[in-house]
């Protein structure tokens, strides 16, 4: 069984811990904590000059050609 929780650190309290203990009663659990911070990913991707150039070129291409882009809904693709 796998369960994912997304919450702010200030929401972590004993009630949260007790609910996890109740859900996984007498089972071994693995807890992994990661920060949900898009800026970390962006900084990482932009830290490599070649990668940064490609990403910024792609962004500029989208910004400069929005009027030529095709817009499709899921129904259009179905």
Protein backbone atom coordinates (compact mmCIF):
# COMPACT_ATOMS: atom_id res chain seq x y z
CA UNK A 1 0.00 0.00 0.00
CA UNK A 2 1.24 3.47 -0.84
CA UNK A 3 -0.21 6.76 0.34
CA UNK A 4 1.00 10.27 -0.49
CA UNK A 5 0.23 13.36 1.57
CA UNK A 6 0.82 16.93 0.44
CA UNK A 7 0.65 19.50 3.20
CA UNK A 8 2.43 22.46 4.73
CA UNK A 9 5.01 21.77 7.42
CA UNK A 10 2.98 23.73 9.96
CA UNK A 11 0.15 21.20 9.49
CA UNK A 12 2.32 18.39 10.86
CA UNK A 13 1.10 17.62 14.35
CA UNK A 14 0.43 14.68 16.63
CA UNK A 15 -3.03 14.15 15.08
CA UNK A 16 -1.40 13.62 11.69
CA UNK A 17 1.10 11.17 13.16
CA UNK A 18 -1.64 9.30 15.00
CA UNK A 19 -3.67 8.98 11.79
CA UNK A 20 -0.64 7.44 10.03
CA UNK A 21 -0.10 5.04 12.93
CA UNK A 22 -3.77 4.02 12.78
CA UNK A 23 -3.74 3.54 9.00
CA UNK A 24 -0.57 1.40 9.02
CA UNK A 25 -1.11 -0.33 12.35
CA UNK A 26 1.73 -2.77 13.17
CA UNK A 27 3.27 -2.43 9.70
CA UNK A 28 6.72 -1.21 8.81
CA UNK A 29 6.55 2.16 7.03
CA UNK A 30 9.00 4.17 4.95
CA UNK A 31 8.69 7.95 5.28
CA UNK A 32 10.25 10.21 2.66
CA UNK A 33 10.00 13.98 3.04
CA UNK A 34 10.66 16.32 0.15
CA UNK A 35 10.12 20.01 -0.32
CA UNK A 36 7.57 20.85 -2.98
CA UNK A 37 9.43 23.85 -4.33
CA UNK A 38 9.37 24.44 -8.07
CA UNK A 39 12.11 27.05 -7.71
CA UNK A 40 14.61 24.34 -6.71
CA UNK A 41 13.88 22.48 -9.95
CA UNK A 42 14.13 25.64 -12.02
CA UNK A 43 17.43 26.62 -10.41
CA UNK A 44 18.80 23.15 -11.11
CA UNK A 45 17.71 23.19 -14.76
CA UNK A 46 19.10 26.66 -15.31
CA UNK A 47 22.42 25.89 -13.62
CA UNK A 48 23.75 24.25 -16.79
CA UNK A 49 24.45 26.85 -19.52
CA UNK A 50 23.41 24.61 -22.43
CA UNK A 51 20.23 23.54 -20.69
CA UNK A 52 19.42 27.12 -19.70
CA UNK A 53 19.89 28.32 -23.28
CA UNK A 54 17.58 25.62 -24.66
CA UNK A 55 14.90 26.29 -22.05
CA UNK A 56 14.99 30.06 -22.52
CA UNK A 57 14.89 29.65 -26.33
CA UNK A 58 11.84 27.39 -25.99
CA UNK A 59 10.09 29.91 -23.72
CA UNK A 60 10.84 32.76 -26.15
CA UNK A 61 9.61 30.65 -29.06
CA UNK A 62 6.30 30.02 -27.30
CA UNK A 63 5.92 33.67 -26.27
CA UNK A 64 6.66 34.95 -29.79
CA UNK A 65 4.45 32.45 -31.64
CA UNK A 66 1.35 32.09 -29.45
CA UNK A 67 -0.88 33.22 -32.33
CA UNK A 68 0.37 30.32 -34.49
CA UNK A 69 -0.08 27.60 -31.85
CA UNK A 70 -2.84 25.02 -32.15
CA UNK A 71 -5.12 24.66 -29.15
CA UNK A 72 -6.81 21.29 -28.65
CA UNK A 73 -9.11 19.99 -25.94
CA UNK A 74 -9.21 16.37 -24.80
CA UNK A 75 -12.44 15.98 -26.77
CA UNK A 76 -10.66 17.14 -29.94
CA UNK A 77 -8.05 14.42 -29.45
CA UNK A 78 -10.57 11.69 -28.61
